[in-house]
Amino acid sequence: MAVTIPSRRAKFTSTGWRIALTVLGVLLICYGLFNTLFKFIGTEVTADVTSVQMQGKYNDKTLGGGTGTVEVGYTFTLPNQETIAGKSTFGTKVDYSNPDNVAALKTISVYYLSFWPQINRAAPLVGFQLDTLAFPVVGALLIILINVRAIRYKARQAKQQLPS
């Protein structure tokens, strides 16, 4: 009586793993495309800045040409006069540790979803960005690789079960 030892890859060919990893791939694709599509499906509005806070240090030498990260809090009013508060964190070349620059920032352009305005983003975060391209690529590769392996594995199993 021969005992067959399944390979380590055989665990990931089960239907449960395939479904879970395919769903993960789809979620990665959706997350990566969200910022790009937000510009087209969102509604643009001007928001009043309520707070500006630098994240980390603003340093010309170490952060490449004076870039830093800032968190901007804002409020905007919907057409039905409801006020929504939000905040966004993004990179900037402006030194917001300087009080004069903070005072100059009174309004910011914001995109929000008309059917769910609590989901909103500052304008610098929407549109095509190269760094968010990694998520759809990884998601698509995950879907392709996990399903191609499973299809090949099932084809091999079917070949082995055919009478010669």
C-alpha atoms as a PDB file:
ATOM      1  CA  MET A   1       0.000   0.000   0.000  1.00  0.00           C
ATOM      2  CA  ALA A   2       1.603   3.233  -1.192  1.00  0.00           C
ATOM      3  CA  VAL A   3       1.114   6.399   0.760  1.00  0.00           C
ATOM      4  CA  THR A   4       1.000   9.608  -1.229  1.00  0.00           C
ATOM      5  CA  ILE A   5       2.210  12.716   0.511  1.00  0.00           C
ATOM      6  CA  PRO A   6       0.536  15.872  -0.770  1.00  0.00           C
ATOM      7  CA  SER A   7       2.797  18.703  -1.755  1.00  0.00           C
ATOM      8  CA  ARG A   8       2.830  21.965   0.159  1.00  0.00           C
ATOM      9  CA  ARG A   9       1.171  23.669  -2.827  1.00  0.00           C
ATOM     10  CA  ALA A  10      -1.803  21.314  -2.665  1.00  0.00           C
ATOM     11  CA  LYS A  11      -3.133  23.216   0.368  1.00  0.00           C
ATOM     12  CA  PHE A  12      -3.649  26.374  -1.665  1.00  0.00           C
ATOM     13  CA  THR A  13      -5.550  24.657  -4.459  1.00  0.00           C
ATOM     14  CA  SER A  14      -8.607  23.995  -2.338  1.00  0.00           C
ATOM     15  CA  THR A  15     -11.708  25.923  -3.292  1.00  0.00           C
ATOM     16  CA  GLY A  16     -11.805  27.842  -0.008  1.00  0.00           C
ATOM     17  CA  TRP A  17      -8.287  29.207  -0.472  1.00  0.00           C
ATOM     18  CA  ARG A  18      -8.925  30.048  -4.108  1.00  0.00           C
ATOM     19  CA  ILE A  19     -12.054  32.000  -3.232  1.00  0.00           C
ATOM     20  CA  ALA A  20     -10.407  33.812  -0.296  1.00  0.00           C
ATOM     21  CA  LEU A  21      -7.310  34.795  -2.280  1.00  0.00           C
ATOM     22  CA  THR A  22      -9.374  35.799  -5.322  1.00  0.00           C
ATOM     23  CA  VAL A  23     -11.544  38.050  -3.109  1.00  0.00           C
ATOM     24  CA  LEU A  24      -8.355  39.514  -1.602  1.00  0.00           C
ATOM     25  CA  GLY A  25      -7.075  40.212  -5.132  1.00  0.00           C
ATOM     26  CA  VAL A  26     -10.331  41.933  -6.085  1.00  0.00           C
ATOM     27  CA  LEU A  27     -10.201  44.060  -2.908  1.00  0.00           C
ATOM     28  CA  LEU A  28      -6.614  45.095  -3.678  1.00  0.00           C
ATOM     29  CA  ILE A  29      -7.643  46.097  -7.198  1.00  0.00           C
ATOM     30  CA  CYS A  30     -10.616  48.112  -5.879  1.00  0.00           C
ATOM     31  CA  TYR A  31      -8.497  49.831  -3.225  1.00  0.00           C
ATOM     32  CA  GLY A  32      -5.840  50.768  -5.756  1.00  0.00           C
ATOM     33  CA  LEU A  33      -8.318  52.149  -8.273  1.00  0.00           C
ATOM     34  CA  PHE A  34     -10.400  53.996  -5.663  1.00  0.00           C
ATOM     35  CA  ASN A  35      -8.257  57.160  -5.616  1.00  0.00           C
ATOM     36  CA  THR A  36      -8.155  57.316  -9.398  1.00  0.00           C
ATOM     37  CA  LEU A  37     -11.894  56.793  -9.797  1.00  0.00           C
ATOM     38  CA  PHE A  38     -12.747  59.097  -6.893  1.00  0.00           C
ATOM     39  CA  LYS A  39     -12.029  62.113  -9.088  1.00  0.00           C
ATOM     40  CA  PHE A  40     -14.658  60.957 -11.595  1.00  0.00           C
ATOM     41  CA  ILE A  41     -17.353  59.633  -9.240  1.00  0.00           C
ATOM     42  CA  GLY A  42     -16.843  62.208  -6.465  1.00  0.00           C
ATOM     43  CA  THR A  43     -18.277  65.685  -6.189  1.00  0.00           C
ATOM     44  CA  GLU A  44     -15.806  68.545  -5.770  1.00  0.00           C
ATOM     45  CA  VAL A  45     -16.448  71.218  -3.162  1.00  0.00           C
ATOM     46  CA  THR A  46     -14.428  73.897  -1.391  1.00  0.00           C
ATOM     47  CA  ALA A  47     -13.914  73.141   2.301  1.00  0.00           C
ATOM     48  CA  ASP A  48     -12.931  75.439   5.151  1.00  0.00           C
ATOM     49  CA  VAL A  49      -9.711  74.375   6.856  1.00  0.00           C
ATOM     50  CA  THR A  50     -10.149  73.846  10.597  1.00  0.00           C
ATOM     51  CA  SER A  51      -6.724  72.483  11.543  1.00  0.00           C
ATOM     52  CA  VAL A  52      -3.283  71.983  10.038  1.00  0.00           C
ATOM     53  CA  GLN A  53      -0.758  69.711  11.681  1.00  0.00           C
ATOM     54  CA  MET A  54       2.662  68.707  10.395  1.00  0.00           C
ATOM     55  CA  GLN A  55       3.398  64.985  10.637  1.00  0.00           C
ATOM     56  CA  GLY A  56       7.051  64.324  11.373  1.00  0.00           C
ATOM     57  CA  LYS A  57       9.778  66.805  10.477  1.00  0.00           C
ATOM     58  CA  TYR A  58      10.042  69.222   7.586  1.00  0.00           C
ATOM     59  CA  ASN A  59      13.652  69.085   6.507  1.00  0.00           C
ATOM     60  CA  ASP A  60      15.025  70.210   3.142  1.00  0.00           C
ATOM     61  CA  LYS A  61      18.026  67.876   3.195  1.00  0.00           C
ATOM     62  CA  THR A  62      16.630  64.544   4.369  1.00  0.00           C
ATOM     63  CA  LEU A  63      13.191  64.597   2.761  1.00  0.00           C
ATOM     64  CA  GLY A  64      14.264  65.535  -0.746  1.00  0.00           C
ATOM     65  CA  GLY A  65      13.644  69.135  -1.674  1.00  0.00           C
ATOM     66  CA  GLY A  66      11.521  70.255   1.244  1.00  0.00           C
ATOM     67  CA  THR A  67       8.718  67.743   1.267  1.00  0.00           C
ATOM     68  CA  GLY A  68       6.840  66.845   4.387  1.00  0.00           C
ATOM     69  CA  THR A  69       3.537  65.346   5.447  1.00  0.00           C
ATOM     70  CA  VAL A  70       0.651  67.433   6.710  1.00  0.00           C
ATOM     71  CA  GLU A  71      -2.733  66.493   8.180  1.00  0.00           C
ATOM     72  CA  VAL A  72      -5.442  68.964   7.235  1.00  0.00           C
ATOM     73  CA  GLY A  73      -8.793  68.992   9.032  1.00  0.00           C
ATOM     74  CA  TYR A  74     -11.690  70.595   7.187  1.00  0.00           C
ATOM     75  CA  THR A  75     -15.453  71.060   7.087  1.00  0.00           C
ATOM     76  CA  PHE A  76     -17.698  71.438   4.077  1.00  0.00           C
ATOM     77  CA  THR A  77     -21.387  72.000   3.549  1.00  0.00           C
ATOM     78  CA  LEU A  78     -23.576  69.746   1.411  1.00  0.00           C
ATOM     79  CA  PRO A  79     -26.348  71.116  -0.841  1.00  0.00           C
ATOM     80  CA  ASN A  80     -28.903  70.162   1.858  1.00  0.00           C
ATOM     81  CA  GLN A  81     -26.978  72.419   4.333  1.00  0.00           C
ATOM     82  CA  GLU A  82     -25.563  69.479   6.317  1.00  0.00           C
ATOM     83  CA  THR A  83     -22.004  70.113   7.511  1.00  0.00           C
ATOM     84  CA  ILE A  84     -19.469  67.295   7.182  1.00  0.00           C
ATOM     85  CA  ALA A  85     -16.069  67.234   8.888  1.00  0.00           C
ATOM     86  CA  GLY A  86     -13.108  65.354   7.493  1.00  0.00           C
ATOM     87  CA  LYS A  87      -9.357  65.178   7.458  1.00  0.00           C
ATOM     88  CA  SER A  88      -6.716  64.077   4.999  1.00  0.00           C
ATOM     89  CA  THR A  89      -3.001  63.461   5.279  1.00  0.00           C
ATOM     90  CA  PHE A  90      -0.822  64.129   2.266  1.00  0.00           C
ATOM     91  CA  GLY A  91       2.662  65.154   1.220  1.00  0.00           C
ATOM     92  CA  THR A  92       3.446  68.793   0.575  1.00  0.00           C
ATOM     93  CA  LYS A  93       6.370  71.032  -0.223  1.00  0.00           C
ATOM     94  CA  VAL A  94       5.028  73.838   1.969  1.00  0.00           C
ATOM     95  CA  ASP A  95       6.455  74.143   5.487  1.00  0.00           C
ATOM     96  CA  TYR A  96       3.316  74.175   7.641  1.00  0.00           C
ATOM     97  CA  SER A  97       5.357  74.361  10.841  1.00  0.00           C
ATOM     98  CA  ASN A  98       5.603  78.070   9.902  1.00  0.00           C
ATOM     99  CA  PRO A  99       2.541  79.881  11.380  1.00  0.00           C
ATOM    100  CA  ASP A 100       2.307  82.237   8.364  1.00  0.00           C
ATOM    101  CA  ASN A 101       1.799  79.297   5.990  1.00  0.00           C
ATOM    102  CA  VAL A 102      -0.851  77.814   8.296  1.00  0.00           C
ATOM    103  CA  ALA A 103      -2.736  81.147   8.386  1.00  0.00           C
ATOM    104  CA  ALA A 104      -2.631  81.369   4.587  1.00  0.00           C
ATOM    105  CA  LEU A 105      -4.352  77.990   4.206  1.00  0.00           C
ATOM    106  CA  LYS A 106      -8.011  78.909   4.654  1.00  0.00           C
ATOM    107  CA  THR A 107      -9.740  76.645   2.115  1.00  0.00           C
ATOM    108  CA  ILE A 108      -8.963  73.383   0.351  1.00  0.00           C
ATOM    109  CA  SER A 109     -10.611  71.535  -2.505  1.00  0.00           C
ATOM    110  CA  VAL A 110     -12.273  68.288  -1.391  1.00  0.00           C
ATOM    111  CA  TYR A 111     -13.978  65.422  -3.232  1.00  0.00           C
ATOM    112  CA  TYR A 112     -16.801  63.458  -1.592  1.00  0.00           C
ATOM    113  CA  LEU A 113     -19.252  60.751  -2.593  1.00  0.00           C
ATOM    114  CA  SER A 114     -22.701  62.259  -3.062  1.00  0.00           C
ATOM    115  CA  PHE A 115     -24.431  59.125  -1.738  1.00  0.00           C
ATOM    116  CA  TRP A 116     -22.035  58.791   1.236  1.00  0.00           C
ATOM    117  CA  PRO A 117     -20.413  62.164   2.022  1.00  0.00           C
ATOM    118  CA  GLN A 118     -18.551  60.825   5.043  1.00  0.00           C
ATOM    119  CA  ILE A 119     -16.157  59.317   2.496  1.00  0.00           C
ATOM    120  CA  ASN A 120     -14.156  62.321   1.358  1.00  0.00           C
ATOM    121  CA  ARG A 121     -10.596  63.155   0.359  1.00  0.00           C
ATOM    122  CA  ALA A 122      -8.552  66.257  -0.228  1.00  0.00           C
ATOM    123  CA  ALA A 123      -7.917  67.050  -3.898  1.00  0.00           C
ATOM    124  CA  PRO A 124      -4.164  66.237  -3.797  1.00  0.00           C
ATOM    125  CA  LEU A 125      -5.080  62.615  -2.969  1.00  0.00           C
ATOM    126  CA  VAL A 126      -7.437  61.925  -5.874  1.00  0.00           C
ATOM    127  CA  GLY A 127      -6.633  61.183  -9.480  1.00  0.00           C
ATOM    128  CA  PHE A 128      -3.983  58.918 -10.946  1.00  0.00           C
ATOM    129  CA  GLN A 129      -0.989  58.387  -8.691  1.00  0.00           C
ATOM    130  CA  LEU A 130       1.866  56.065  -9.458  1.00  0.00           C
ATOM    131  CA  ASP A 131       2.180  54.703  -5.916  1.00  0.00           C
ATOM    132  CA  THR A 132      -1.407  53.402  -5.874  1.00  0.00           C
ATOM    133  CA  LEU A 133      -0.757  51.461  -9.086  1.00  0.00           C
ATOM    134  CA  ALA A 134       0.971  48.754  -7.021  1.00  0.00           C
ATOM    135  CA  PHE A 135      -2.283  47.584  -5.418  1.00  0.00           C
ATOM    136  CA  PRO A 136      -4.139  46.701  -8.656  1.00  0.00           C
ATOM    137  CA  VAL A 137      -1.014  45.044 -10.078  1.00  0.00           C
ATOM    138  CA  VAL A 138      -0.514  42.876  -6.976  1.00  0.00           C
ATOM    139  CA  GLY A 139      -4.233  42.057  -6.875  1.00  0.00           C
ATOM    140  CA  ALA A 140      -4.326  41.021 -10.535  1.00  0.00           C
ATOM    141  CA  LEU A 141      -1.187  38.903 -10.142  1.00  0.00           C
ATOM    142  CA  LEU A 142      -2.667  37.220  -7.078  1.00  0.00           C
ATOM    143  CA  ILE A 143      -5.878  36.357  -8.916  1.00  0.00           C
ATOM    144  CA  ILE A 144      -4.031  35.084 -11.980  1.00  0.00           C
ATOM    145  CA  LEU A 145      -1.393  33.075 -10.136  1.00  0.00           C
ATOM    146  CA  ILE A 146      -3.709  31.373  -7.648  1.00  0.00           C
ATOM    147  CA  ASN A 147      -6.272  30.418 -10.284  1.00  0.00           C
ATOM    148  CA  VAL A 148      -3.780  29.318 -12.960  1.00  0.00           C
ATOM    149  CA  ARG A 149      -2.038  27.056 -10.451  1.00  0.00           C
ATOM    150  CA  ALA A 150      -5.341  25.580  -9.352  1.00  0.00           C
ATOM    151  CA  ILE A 151      -6.447  24.950 -12.944  1.00  0.00           C
ATOM    152  CA  ARG A 152      -3.128  23.304 -13.790  1.00  0.00           C
ATOM    153  CA  TYR A 153      -3.281  21.218 -10.620  1.00  0.00           C
ATOM    154  CA  LYS A 154      -6.795  20.001 -11.429  1.00  0.00           C
ATOM    155  CA  ALA A 155      -5.776  19.203 -15.017  1.00  0.00           C
ATOM    156  CA  ARG A 156      -2.834  17.141 -13.729  1.00  0.00           C
ATOM    157  CA  GLN A 157      -5.110  15.318 -11.301  1.00  0.00           C
ATOM    158  CA  ALA A 158      -7.577  14.550 -14.078  1.00  0.00           C
ATOM    159  CA  LYS A 159      -4.752  13.247 -16.299  1.00  0.00           C
ATOM    160  CA  GLN A 160      -3.512  10.938 -13.558  1.00  0.00           C
ATOM    161  CA  GLN A 161      -6.977   9.493 -13.010  1.00  0.00           C
ATOM    162  CA  LEU A 162      -7.551   8.642 -16.677  1.00  0.00           C
ATOM    163  CA  PRO A 163      -7.154   4.937 -17.462  1.00  0.00           C
ATOM    164  CA  SER A 164      -4.202   4.283 -19.767  1.00  0.00           C
END
